Amino acid sequence: MENKNDIKEMDLGLSRADMLEQLEKRRIFLGDGKDMPLDRLEDIYRNYIVPKPKRERKPRNPSPDPNFNPIEIEQLAERIKSVVIVGQKRAHAENKSDDQAKQIKMDLD
């Protein structure tokens, strides 16, 4: 004598026995699978067996930014140039006397 729930077809087109068989094939064993409410069994089946659709990929060539401003790019380029100039090392004087170690005399009074 089978339960009405065992015979009842789900919207997936599978009975309780079919779902349990598919779960067991994938080594997912439910101890109380035969006594479990059918909606709970269907939830488990959907989460582990039914393939989920992949996310849609974003287009590789995105549309141009409506807030795009070519003036901003020019300003950024100028800032980069000024930072590079400031960051460069200054040329040292060719004075040899500056290269020698200097002594500082301190009064310890």
PDB file of N, CA and C in Angstrom:
ATOM      1  N   MET A   1       0.828  -1.175   0.000  1.00  0.00           N
ATOM      2  CA  MET A   1       0.000   0.000   0.000  1.00  0.00           C
ATOM      3  C   MET A   1       0.880   1.248   0.000  1.00  0.00           C
ATOM      4  N   GLU A   2       0.803   1.980  -1.063  1.00  0.00           N
ATOM      5  CA  GLU A   2       1.612   3.181  -1.170  1.00  0.00           C
ATOM      6  C   GLU A   2       0.820   4.384  -0.705  1.00  0.00           C
ATOM      7  N   ASN A   3       1.537   5.346  -0.199  1.00  0.00           N
ATOM      8  CA  ASN A   3       0.939   6.613   0.212  1.00  0.00           C
ATOM      9  C   ASN A   3       0.502   7.404  -1.010  1.00  0.00           C
ATOM     10  N   LYS A   4      -0.428   8.299  -0.837  1.00  0.00           N
ATOM     11  CA  LYS A   4      -0.807   9.195  -1.928  1.00  0.00           C
ATOM     12  C   LYS A   4       0.374  10.077  -2.309  1.00  0.00           C
ATOM     13  N   ASN A   5       1.205  10.425  -1.306  1.00  0.00           N
ATOM     14  CA  ASN A   5       2.366  11.276  -1.569  1.00  0.00           C
ATOM     15  C   ASN A   5       3.393  10.563  -2.432  1.00  0.00           C
ATOM     16  N   ASP A   6       3.468   9.231  -2.320  1.00  0.00           N
ATOM     17  CA  ASP A   6       4.430   8.485  -3.116  1.00  0.00           C
ATOM     18  C   ASP A   6       4.044   8.479  -4.591  1.00  0.00           C
ATOM     19  N   ILE A   7       2.772   8.445  -4.868  1.00  0.00           N
ATOM     20  CA  ILE A   7       2.306   8.361  -6.242  1.00  0.00           C
ATOM     21  C   ILE A   7       2.198   9.744  -6.869  1.00  0.00           C
ATOM     22  N   LYS A   8       1.922  10.727  -6.051  1.00  0.00           N
ATOM     23  CA  LYS A   8       1.702  12.086  -6.546  1.00  0.00           C
ATOM     24  C   LYS A   8       2.937  12.582  -7.298  1.00  0.00           C
ATOM     25  N   GLU A   9       2.722  13.050  -8.487  1.00  0.00           N
ATOM     26  CA  GLU A   9       3.819  13.576  -9.291  1.00  0.00           C
ATOM     27  C   GLU A   9       4.060  15.037  -8.914  1.00  0.00           C
ATOM     28  N   MET A  10       5.298  15.418  -8.808  1.00  0.00           N
ATOM     29  CA  MET A  10       5.644  16.800  -8.510  1.00  0.00           C
ATOM     30  C   MET A  10       5.719  17.572  -9.824  1.00  0.00           C
ATOM     31  N   ASP A  11       5.864  18.869  -9.725  1.00  0.00           N
ATOM     32  CA  ASP A  11       5.996  19.664 -10.937  1.00  0.00           C
ATOM     33  C   ASP A  11       7.298  19.342 -11.652  1.00  0.00           C
ATOM     34  N   LEU A  12       8.210  18.636 -10.973  1.00  0.00           N
ATOM     35  CA  LEU A  12       9.437  18.184 -11.611  1.00  0.00           C
ATOM     36  C   LEU A  12       9.186  16.935 -12.445  1.00  0.00           C
ATOM     37  N   GLY A  13       8.038  16.305 -12.265  1.00  0.00           N
ATOM     38  CA  GLY A  13       7.725  15.094 -13.009  1.00  0.00           C
ATOM     39  C   GLY A  13       8.284  13.848 -12.353  1.00  0.00           C
ATOM     40  N   LEU A  14       8.617  13.903 -11.071  1.00  0.00           N
ATOM     41  CA  LEU A  14       9.209  12.765 -10.371  1.00  0.00           C
ATOM     42  C   LEU A  14       8.390  12.415  -9.145  1.00  0.00           C
ATOM     43  N   SER A  15       8.343  11.128  -8.845  1.00  0.00           N
ATOM     44  CA  SER A  15       7.677  10.694  -7.622  1.00  0.00           C
ATOM     45  C   SER A  15       8.692  10.695  -6.485  1.00  0.00           C
ATOM     46  N   ARG A  16       8.227  10.413  -5.289  1.00  0.00           N
ATOM     47  CA  ARG A  16       9.103  10.347  -4.118  1.00  0.00           C
ATOM     48  C   ARG A  16      10.200   9.307  -4.338  1.00  0.00           C
ATOM     49  N   ALA A  17       9.822   8.135  -4.864  1.00  0.00           N
ATOM     50  CA  ALA A  17      10.800   7.063  -5.086  1.00  0.00           C
ATOM     51  C   ALA A  17      11.862   7.492  -6.094  1.00  0.00           C
ATOM     52  N   ASP A  18      11.448   8.181  -7.154  1.00  0.00           N
ATOM     53  CA  ASP A  18      12.412   8.646  -8.155  1.00  0.00           C
ATOM     54  C   ASP A  18      13.393   9.653  -7.562  1.00  0.00           C
ATOM     55  N   MET A  19      12.875  10.567  -6.753  1.00  0.00           N
ATOM     56  CA  MET A  19      13.759  11.563  -6.130  1.00  0.00           C
ATOM     57  C   MET A  19      14.741  10.897  -5.179  1.00  0.00           C
ATOM     58  N   LEU A  20      14.262   9.950  -4.368  1.00  0.00           N
ATOM     59  CA  LEU A  20      15.157   9.248  -3.443  1.00  0.00           C
ATOM     60  C   LEU A  20      16.214   8.463  -4.207  1.00  0.00           C
ATOM     61  N   GLU A  21      15.824   7.855  -5.322  1.00  0.00           N
ATOM     62  CA  GLU A  21      16.776   7.091  -6.128  1.00  0.00           C
ATOM     63  C   GLU A  21      17.864   8.004  -6.692  1.00  0.00           C
ATOM     64  N   GLN A  22      17.474   9.166  -7.202  1.00  0.00           N
ATOM     65  CA  GLN A  22      18.451  10.113  -7.739  1.00  0.00           C
ATOM     66  C   GLN A  22      19.397  10.622  -6.648  1.00  0.00           C
ATOM     67  N   LEU A  23      18.864  10.880  -5.474  1.00  0.00           N
ATOM     68  CA  LEU A  23      19.711  11.320  -4.360  1.00  0.00           C
ATOM     69  C   LEU A  23      20.692  10.229  -3.965  1.00  0.00           C
ATOM     70  N   GLU A  24      20.232   8.971  -3.925  1.00  0.00           N
ATOM     71  CA  GLU A  24      21.120   7.864  -3.556  1.00  0.00           C
ATOM     72  C   GLU A  24      22.200   7.655  -4.605  1.00  0.00           C
ATOM     73  N   LYS A  25      21.887   7.869  -5.888  1.00  0.00           N
ATOM     74  CA  LYS A  25      22.896   7.739  -6.946  1.00  0.00           C
ATOM     75  C   LYS A  25      24.035   8.726  -6.731  1.00  0.00           C
ATOM     76  N   ARG A  26      23.703   9.862  -6.166  1.00  0.00           N
ATOM     77  CA  ARG A  26      24.723  10.885  -5.900  1.00  0.00           C
ATOM     78  C   ARG A  26      25.252  10.799  -4.476  1.00  0.00           C
ATOM     79  N   ARG A  27      24.985   9.669  -3.858  1.00  0.00           N
ATOM     80  CA  ARG A  27      25.464   9.355  -2.503  1.00  0.00           C
ATOM     81  C   ARG A  27      24.972  10.362  -1.467  1.00  0.00           C
ATOM     82  N   ILE A  28      23.739  10.790  -1.626  1.00  0.00           N
ATOM     83  CA  ILE A  28      23.087  11.634  -0.629  1.00  0.00           C
ATOM     84  C   ILE A  28      22.011  10.771   0.001  1.00  0.00           C
ATOM     85  N   PHE A  29      22.288  10.308   1.202  1.00  0.00           N
ATOM     86  CA  PHE A  29      21.383   9.376   1.864  1.00  0.00           C
ATOM     87  C   PHE A  29      20.554  10.116   2.908  1.00  0.00           C
ATOM     88  N   LEU A  30      19.255   9.932   2.826  1.00  0.00           N
ATOM     89  CA  LEU A  30      18.334  10.522   3.787  1.00  0.00           C
ATOM     90  C   LEU A  30      17.741   9.384   4.600  1.00  0.00           C
ATOM     91  N   GLY A  31      18.032   9.359   5.880  1.00  0.00           N
ATOM     92  CA  GLY A  31      17.534   8.285   6.734  1.00  0.00           C
ATOM     93  C   GLY A  31      16.022   8.243   6.802  1.00  0.00           C
ATOM     94  N   ASP A  32      15.403   9.391   6.881  1.00  0.00           N
ATOM     95  CA  ASP A  32      13.946   9.439   6.998  1.00  0.00           C
ATOM     96  C   ASP A  32      13.312   9.944   5.707  1.00  0.00           C
ATOM     97  N   GLY A  33      13.920   9.618   4.569  1.00  0.00           N
ATOM     98  CA  GLY A  33      13.433  10.096   3.279  1.00  0.00           C
ATOM     99  C   GLY A  33      12.048   9.604   2.938  1.00  0.00           C
ATOM    100  N   LYS A  34      11.719   8.375   3.372  1.00  0.00           N
ATOM    101  CA  LYS A  34      10.403   7.824   3.049  1.00  0.00           C
ATOM    102  C   LYS A  34       9.311   8.454   3.893  1.00  0.00           C
ATOM    103  N   ASP A  35       9.659   8.932   5.080  1.00  0.00           N
ATOM    104  CA  ASP A  35       8.670   9.541   5.969  1.00  0.00           C
ATOM    105  C   ASP A  35       8.695  11.070   5.914  1.00  0.00           C
ATOM    106  N   MET A  36       9.654  11.621   5.194  1.00  0.00           N
ATOM    107  CA  MET A  36       9.818  13.073   5.125  1.00  0.00           C
ATOM    108  C   MET A  36       8.663  13.691   4.327  1.00  0.00           C
ATOM    109  N   PRO A  37       8.204  14.872   4.715  1.00  0.00           N
ATOM    110  CA  PRO A  37       7.168  15.547   3.917  1.00  0.00           C
ATOM    111  C   PRO A  37       7.663  15.760   2.487  1.00  0.00           C
ATOM    112  N   LEU A  38       6.762  15.611   1.554  1.00  0.00           N
ATOM    113  CA  LEU A  38       7.132  15.657   0.144  1.00  0.00           C
ATOM    114  C   LEU A  38       7.703  17.016  -0.268  1.00  0.00           C
ATOM    115  N   ASP A  39       7.192  18.094   0.292  1.00  0.00           N
ATOM    116  CA  ASP A  39       7.728  19.408  -0.071  1.00  0.00           C
ATOM    117  C   ASP A  39       9.161  19.577   0.415  1.00  0.00           C
ATOM    118  N   ARG A  40       9.479  19.010   1.581  1.00  0.00           N
ATOM    119  CA  ARG A  40      10.861  19.071   2.098  1.00  0.00           C
ATOM    120  C   ARG A  40      11.788  18.234   1.221  1.00  0.00           C
ATOM    121  N   LEU A  41      11.325  17.057   0.804  1.00  0.00           N
ATOM    122  CA  LEU A  41      12.117  16.201  -0.076  1.00  0.00           C
ATOM    123  C   LEU A  41      12.357  16.902  -1.416  1.00  0.00           C
ATOM    124  N   GLU A  42      11.337  17.570  -1.909  1.00  0.00           N
ATOM    125  CA  GLU A  42      11.490  18.292  -3.171  1.00  0.00           C
ATOM    126  C   GLU A  42      12.500  19.432  -3.032  1.00  0.00           C
ATOM    127  N   ASP A  43      12.490  20.127  -1.907  1.00  0.00           N
ATOM    128  CA  ASP A  43      13.475  21.194  -1.673  1.00  0.00           C
ATOM    129  C   ASP A  43      14.889  20.640  -1.693  1.00  0.00           C
ATOM    130  N   ILE A  44      15.093  19.522  -1.012  1.00  0.00           N
ATOM    131  CA  ILE A  44      16.422  18.894  -0.988  1.00  0.00           C
ATOM    132  C   ILE A  44      16.813  18.482  -2.397  1.00  0.00           C
ATOM    133  N   TYR A  45      15.879  17.878  -3.123  1.00  0.00           N
ATOM    134  CA  TYR A  45      16.153  17.438  -4.490  1.00  0.00           C
ATOM    135  C   TYR A  45      16.536  18.620  -5.375  1.00  0.00           C
ATOM    136  N   ARG A  46      15.785  19.698  -5.272  1.00  0.00           N
ATOM    137  CA  ARG A  46      16.081  20.882  -6.095  1.00  0.00           C
ATOM    138  C   ARG A  46      17.461  21.457  -5.770  1.00  0.00           C
ATOM    139  N   ASN A  47      17.833  21.461  -4.500  1.00  0.00           N
ATOM    140  CA  ASN A  47      19.115  22.057  -4.106  1.00  0.00           C
ATOM    141  C   ASN A  47      20.313  21.221  -4.524  1.00  0.00           C
ATOM    142  N   TYR A  48      20.158  19.895  -4.597  1.00  0.00           N
ATOM    143  CA  TYR A  48      21.310  19.039  -4.858  1.00  0.00           C
ATOM    144  C   TYR A  48      21.314  18.409  -6.239  1.00  0.00           C
ATOM    145  N   ILE A  49      20.182  18.255  -6.878  1.00  0.00           N
ATOM    146  CA  ILE A  49      20.132  17.522  -8.133  1.00  0.00           C
ATOM    147  C   ILE A  49      19.827  18.422  -9.322  1.00  0.00           C
ATOM    148  N   VAL A  50      18.826  19.255  -9.207  1.00  0.00           N
ATOM    149  CA  VAL A  50      18.386  20.072 -10.339  1.00  0.00           C
ATOM    150  C   VAL A  50      19.450  21.117 -10.643  1.00  0.00           C
ATOM    151  N   PRO A  51      19.951  21.146 -11.891  1.00  0.00           N
ATOM    152  CA  PRO A  51      20.974  22.142 -12.220  1.00  0.00           C
ATOM    153  C   PRO A  51      20.401  23.550 -12.164  1.00  0.00           C
ATOM    154  N   LYS A  52      21.218  24.443 -11.676  1.00  0.00           N
ATOM    155  CA  LYS A  52      20.811  25.844 -11.562  1.00  0.00           C
ATOM    156  C   LYS A  52      21.298  26.599 -12.800  1.00  0.00           C
ATOM    157  N   PRO A  53      20.508  27.513 -13.312  1.00  0.00           N
ATOM    158  CA  PRO A  53      20.955  28.265 -14.491  1.00  0.00           C
ATOM    159  C   PRO A  53      22.135  29.157 -14.137  1.00  0.00           C
ATOM    160  N   LYS A  54      23.030  29.294 -15.083  1.00  0.00           N
ATOM    161  CA  LYS A  54      24.190  30.157 -14.870  1.00  0.00           C
ATOM    162  C   LYS A  54      23.767  31.611 -14.981  1.00  0.00           C
ATOM    163  N   ARG A  55      24.540  32.442 -14.312  1.00  0.00           N
ATOM    164  CA  ARG A  55      24.261  33.873 -14.410  1.00  0.00           C
ATOM    165  C   ARG A  55      24.562  34.347 -15.827  1.00  0.00           C
ATOM    166  N   GLU A  56      23.841  35.346 -16.239  1.00  0.00           N
ATOM    167  CA  GLU A  56      24.113  35.914 -17.551  1.00  0.00           C
ATOM    168  C   GLU A  56      25.387  36.737 -17.470  1.00  0.00           C
ATOM    169  N   ARG A  57      26.212  36.576 -18.477  1.00  0.00           N
ATOM    170  CA  ARG A  57      27.468  37.315 -18.497  1.00  0.00           C
ATOM    171  C   ARG A  57      27.229  38.757 -18.904  1.00  0.00           C
ATOM    172  N   LYS A  58      28.054  39.607 -18.365  1.00  0.00           N
ATOM    173  CA  LYS A  58      27.986  41.014 -18.743  1.00  0.00           C
ATOM    174  C   LYS A  58      28.652  41.168 -20.112  1.00  0.00           C
ATOM    175  N   PRO A  59      28.190  42.096 -20.913  1.00  0.00           N
ATOM    176  CA  PRO A  59      28.823  42.283 -22.229  1.00  0.00           C
ATOM    177  C   PRO A  59      30.266  42.737 -22.057  1.00  0.00           C
ATOM    178  N   ARG A  60      31.116  42.223 -22.930  1.00  0.00           N
ATOM    179  CA  ARG A  60      32.539  42.551 -22.843  1.00  0.00           C
ATOM    180  C   ARG A  60      32.823  43.987 -23.264  1.00  0.00           C
ATOM    181  N   ASN A  61      32.050  44.500 -24.184  1.00  0.00           N
ATOM    182  CA  ASN A  61      32.243  45.879 -24.639  1.00  0.00           C
ATOM    183  C   ASN A  61      31.174  46.742 -23.988  1.00  0.00           C
ATOM    184  N   PRO A  62      31.462  47.253 -22.821  1.00  0.00           N
ATOM    185  CA  PRO A  62      30.439  48.058 -22.148  1.00  0.00           C
ATOM    186  C   PRO A  62      30.165  49.342 -22.927  1.00  0.00           C
ATOM    187  N   SER A  63      28.974  49.812 -22.796  1.00  0.00           N
ATOM    188  CA  SER A  63      28.617  51.058 -23.479  1.00  0.00           C
ATOM    189  C   SER A  63      29.400  52.205 -22.843  1.00  0.00           C
ATOM    190  N   PRO A  64      29.663  53.244 -23.608  1.00  0.00           N
ATOM    191  CA  PRO A  64      30.430  54.368 -23.050  1.00  0.00           C
ATOM    192  C   PRO A  64      29.714  54.995 -21.858  1.00  0.00           C
ATOM    193  N   ASP A  65      30.511  55.439 -20.929  1.00  0.00           N
ATOM    194  CA  ASP A  65      29.977  56.056 -19.716  1.00  0.00           C
ATOM    195  C   ASP A  65      29.308  57.382 -20.080  1.00  0.00           C
ATOM    196  N   PRO A  66      28.045  57.558 -19.698  1.00  0.00           N
ATOM    197  CA  PRO A  66      27.386  58.826 -20.035  1.00  0.00           C
ATOM    198  C   PRO A  66      27.998  60.016 -19.301  1.00  0.00           C
ATOM    199  N   ASN A  67      28.706  59.778 -18.205  1.00  0.00           N
ATOM    200  CA  ASN A  67      29.336  60.860 -17.443  1.00  0.00           C
ATOM    201  C   ASN A  67      30.785  61.084 -17.865  1.00  0.00           C
ATOM    202  N   PHE A  68      31.189  60.466 -18.961  1.00  0.00           N
ATOM    203  CA  PHE A  68      32.560  60.572 -19.442  1.00  0.00           C
ATOM    204  C   PHE A  68      32.870  62.018 -19.807  1.00  0.00           C
ATOM    205  N   ASN A  69      34.014  62.495 -19.322  1.00  0.00           N
ATOM    206  CA  ASN A  69      34.402  63.878 -19.565  1.00  0.00           C
ATOM    207  C   ASN A  69      35.857  63.896 -20.015  1.00  0.00           C
ATOM    208  N   PRO A  70      36.146  64.236 -21.294  1.00  0.00           N
ATOM    209  CA  PRO A  70      37.541  64.228 -21.758  1.00  0.00           C
ATOM    210  C   PRO A  70      38.397  65.275 -21.054  1.00  0.00           C
ATOM    211  N   ILE A  71      37.789  66.310 -20.519  1.00  0.00           N
ATOM    212  CA  ILE A  71      38.555  67.338 -19.808  1.00  0.00           C
ATOM    213  C   ILE A  71      39.179  66.739 -18.550  1.00  0.00           C
ATOM    214  N   GLU A  72      38.449  65.860 -17.888  1.00  0.00           N
ATOM    215  CA  GLU A  72      38.986  65.228 -16.681  1.00  0.00           C
ATOM    216  C   GLU A  72      40.241  64.431 -17.001  1.00  0.00           C
ATOM    217  N   ILE A  73      40.257  63.750 -18.128  1.00  0.00           N
ATOM    218  CA  ILE A  73      41.426  62.960 -18.502  1.00  0.00           C
ATOM    219  C   ILE A  73      42.617  63.876 -18.733  1.00  0.00           C
ATOM    220  N   GLU A  74      42.401  65.009 -19.398  1.00  0.00           N
ATOM    221  CA  GLU A  74      43.494  65.955 -19.622  1.00  0.00           C
ATOM    222  C   GLU A  74      44.023  66.498 -18.297  1.00  0.00           C
ATOM    223  N   GLN A  75      43.125  66.812 -17.371  1.00  0.00           N
ATOM    224  CA  GLN A  75      43.550  67.314 -16.066  1.00  0.00           C
ATOM    225  C   GLN A  75      44.349  66.255 -15.318  1.00  0.00           C
ATOM    226  N   LEU A  76      43.897  65.020 -15.380  1.00  0.00           N
ATOM    227  CA  LEU A  76      44.630  63.947 -14.707  1.00  0.00           C
ATOM    228  C   LEU A  76      46.009  63.753 -15.330  1.00  0.00           C
ATOM    229  N   ALA A  77      46.098  63.866 -16.651  1.00  0.00           N
ATOM    230  CA  ALA A  77      47.396  63.725 -17.315  1.00  0.00           C
ATOM    231  C   ALA A  77      48.350  64.827 -16.861  1.00  0.00           C
ATOM    232  N   GLU A  78      47.856  66.048 -16.734  1.00  0.00           N
ATOM    233  CA  GLU A  78      48.695  67.155 -16.259  1.00  0.00           C
ATOM    234  C   GLU A  78      49.155  66.916 -14.825  1.00  0.00           C
ATOM    235  N   ARG A  79      48.270  66.420 -13.993  1.00  0.00           N
ATOM    236  CA  ARG A  79      48.651  66.133 -12.603  1.00  0.00           C
ATOM    237  C   ARG A  79      49.736  65.069 -12.546  1.00  0.00           C
ATOM    238  N   ILE A  80      49.597  64.059 -13.378  1.00  0.00           N
ATOM    239  CA  ILE A  80      50.599  62.991 -13.393  1.00  0.00           C
ATOM    240  C   ILE A  80      51.949  63.556 -13.810  1.00  0.00           C
ATOM    241  N   LYS A  81      51.964  64.408 -14.829  1.00  0.00           N
ATOM    242  CA  LYS A  81      53.225  65.007 -15.275  1.00  0.00           C
ATOM    243  C   LYS A  81      53.862  65.830 -14.165  1.00  0.00           C
ATOM    244  N   SER A  82      53.054  66.621 -13.458  1.00  0.00           N
ATOM    245  CA  SER A  82      53.620  67.460 -12.399  1.00  0.00           C
ATOM    246  C   SER A  82      54.144  66.610 -11.253  1.00  0.00           C
ATOM    247  N   VAL A  83      53.494  65.520 -10.939  1.00  0.00           N
ATOM    248  CA  VAL A  83      53.984  64.643  -9.874  1.00  0.00           C
ATOM    249  C   VAL A  83      55.290  63.997 -10.287  1.00  0.00           C
ATOM    250  N   VAL A  84      55.412  63.628 -11.547  1.00  0.00           N
ATOM    251  CA  VAL A  84      56.652  63.023 -12.032  1.00  0.00           C
ATOM    252  C   VAL A  84      57.791  64.025 -11.949  1.00  0.00           C
ATOM    253  N   ILE A  85      57.538  65.249 -12.333  1.00  0.00           N
ATOM    254  CA  ILE A  85      58.584  66.275 -12.294  1.00  0.00           C
ATOM    255  C   ILE A  85      59.016  66.535 -10.854  1.00  0.00           C
ATOM    256  N   VAL A  86      58.077  66.655  -9.949  1.00  0.00           N
ATOM    257  CA  VAL A  86      58.410  66.905  -8.548  1.00  0.00           C
ATOM    258  C   VAL A  86      59.143  65.710  -7.956  1.00  0.00           C
ATOM    259  N   GLY A  87      58.807  64.524  -8.385  1.00  0.00           N
ATOM    260  CA  GLY A  87      59.397  63.320  -7.817  1.00  0.00           C
ATOM    261  C   GLY A  87      60.799  63.021  -8.312  1.00  0.00           C
ATOM    262  N   GLN A  88      61.257  63.694  -9.370  1.00  0.00           N
ATOM    263  CA  GLN A  88      62.597  63.420  -9.892  1.00  0.00           C
ATOM    264  C   GLN A  88      63.655  63.991  -8.955  1.00  0.00           C
ATOM    265  N   LYS A  89      64.810  63.333  -8.936  1.00  0.00           N
ATOM    266  CA  LYS A  89      65.901  63.803  -8.080  1.00  0.00           C
ATOM    267  C   LYS A  89      66.519  65.056  -8.688  1.00  0.00           C
ATOM    268  N   ARG A  90      66.890  65.951  -7.816  1.00  0.00           N
ATOM    269  CA  ARG A  90      67.539  67.174  -8.274  1.00  0.00           C
ATOM    270  C   ARG A  90      69.023  66.909  -8.491  1.00  0.00           C
ATOM    271  N   ALA A  91      69.568  67.603  -9.444  1.00  0.00           N
ATOM    272  CA  ALA A  91      70.998  67.452  -9.731  1.00  0.00           C
ATOM    273  C   ALA A  91      71.812  68.068  -8.597  1.00  0.00           C
ATOM    274  N   HIS A  92      72.851  67.354  -8.190  1.00  0.00           N
ATOM    275  CA  HIS A  92      73.720  67.855  -7.124  1.00  0.00           C
ATOM    276  C   HIS A  92      74.809  68.739  -7.719  1.00  0.00           C
ATOM    277  N   ALA A  93      75.244  69.660  -6.917  1.00  0.00           N
ATOM    278  CA  ALA A  93      76.349  70.522  -7.347  1.00  0.00           C
ATOM    279  C   ALA A  93      77.615  69.685  -7.423  1.00  0.00           C
ATOM    280  N   GLU A  94      78.455  70.052  -8.335  1.00  0.00           N
ATOM    281  CA  GLU A  94      79.689  69.305  -8.547  1.00  0.00           C
ATOM    282  C   GLU A  94      80.781  69.716  -7.566  1.00  0.00           C
ATOM    283  N   ASN A  95      80.416  70.325  -6.467  1.00  0.00           N
ATOM    284  CA  ASN A  95      81.369  70.810  -5.489  1.00  0.00           C
ATOM    285  C   ASN A  95      81.845  69.639  -4.631  1.00  0.00           C
ATOM    286  N   LYS A  96      83.157  69.352  -4.680  1.00  0.00           N
ATOM    287  CA  LYS A  96      83.712  68.215  -3.942  1.00  0.00           C
ATOM    288  C   LYS A  96      83.739  68.476  -2.439  1.00  0.00           C
ATOM    289  N   SER A  97      83.803  69.712  -2.030  1.00  0.00           N
ATOM    290  CA  SER A  97      83.887  70.009  -0.602  1.00  0.00           C
ATOM    291  C   SER A  97      82.582  69.645   0.112  1.00  0.00           C
ATOM    292  N   ASP A  98      81.494  69.622  -0.596  1.00  0.00           N
ATOM    293  CA  ASP A  98      80.212  69.275   0.016  1.00  0.00           C
ATOM    294  C   ASP A  98      80.099  67.783   0.310  1.00  0.00           C
ATOM    295  N   ASP A  99      80.890  66.970  -0.395  1.00  0.00           N
ATOM    296  CA  ASP A  99      80.766  65.524  -0.243  1.00  0.00           C
ATOM    297  C   ASP A  99      81.470  64.989   1.002  1.00  0.00           C
ATOM    298  N   GLN A 100      82.409  65.756   1.568  1.00  0.00           N
ATOM    299  CA  GLN A 100      83.168  65.254   2.708  1.00  0.00           C
ATOM    300  C   GLN A 100      82.355  65.385   3.990  1.00  0.00           C
ATOM    301  N   ALA A 101      82.688  64.515   4.917  1.00  0.00           N
ATOM    302  CA  ALA A 101      81.993  64.523   6.203  1.00  0.00           C
ATOM    303  C   ALA A 101      82.278  65.829   6.932  1.00  0.00           C
ATOM    304  N   LYS A 102      81.300  66.331   7.626  1.00  0.00           N
ATOM    305  CA  LYS A 102      81.460  67.581   8.348  1.00  0.00           C
ATOM    306  C   LYS A 102      81.394  67.296   9.833  1.00  0.00           C
ATOM    307  N   GLN A 103      82.173  68.049  10.577  1.00  0.00           N
ATOM    308  CA  GLN A 103      82.174  67.896  12.027  1.00  0.00           C
ATOM    309  C   GLN A 103      81.457  69.086  12.638  1.00  0.00           C
ATOM    310  N   ILE A 104      80.699  68.787  13.653  1.00  0.00           N
ATOM    311  CA  ILE A 104      79.971  69.838  14.351  1.00  0.00           C
ATOM    312  C   ILE A 104      80.492  69.884  15.775  1.00  0.00           C
ATOM    313  N   LYS A 105      80.883  71.075  16.187  1.00  0.00           N
ATOM    314  CA  LYS A 105      81.387  71.236  17.540  1.00  0.00           C
ATOM    315  C   LYS A 105      80.238  71.728  18.395  1.00  0.00           C
ATOM    316  N   MET A 106      80.022  71.055  19.508  1.00  0.00           N
ATOM    317  CA  MET A 106      78.925  71.437  20.388  1.00  0.00           C
ATOM    318  C   MET A 106      79.491  71.872  21.731  1.00  0.00           C
ATOM    319  N   ASP A 107      78.901  72.884  22.266  1.00  0.00           N
ATOM    320  CA  ASP A 107      79.276  73.329  23.606  1.00  0.00           C
ATOM    321  C   ASP A 107      78.439  72.567  24.606  1.00  0.00           C
ATOM    322  N   LEU A 108      79.107  71.960  25.558  1.00  0.00           N
ATOM    323  CA  LEU A 108      78.406  71.203  26.591  1.00  0.00           C
ATOM    324  C   LEU A 108      78.484  71.962  27.910  1.00  0.00           C
ATOM    325  N   ASP A 109      77.899  73.073  27.998  1.00  0.00           N
ATOM    326  CA  ASP A 109      77.937  73.869  29.232  1.00  0.00           C
ATOM    327  C   ASP A 109      76.762  73.617  30.093  1.00  0.00           C
TER     328      ASP A 109
END
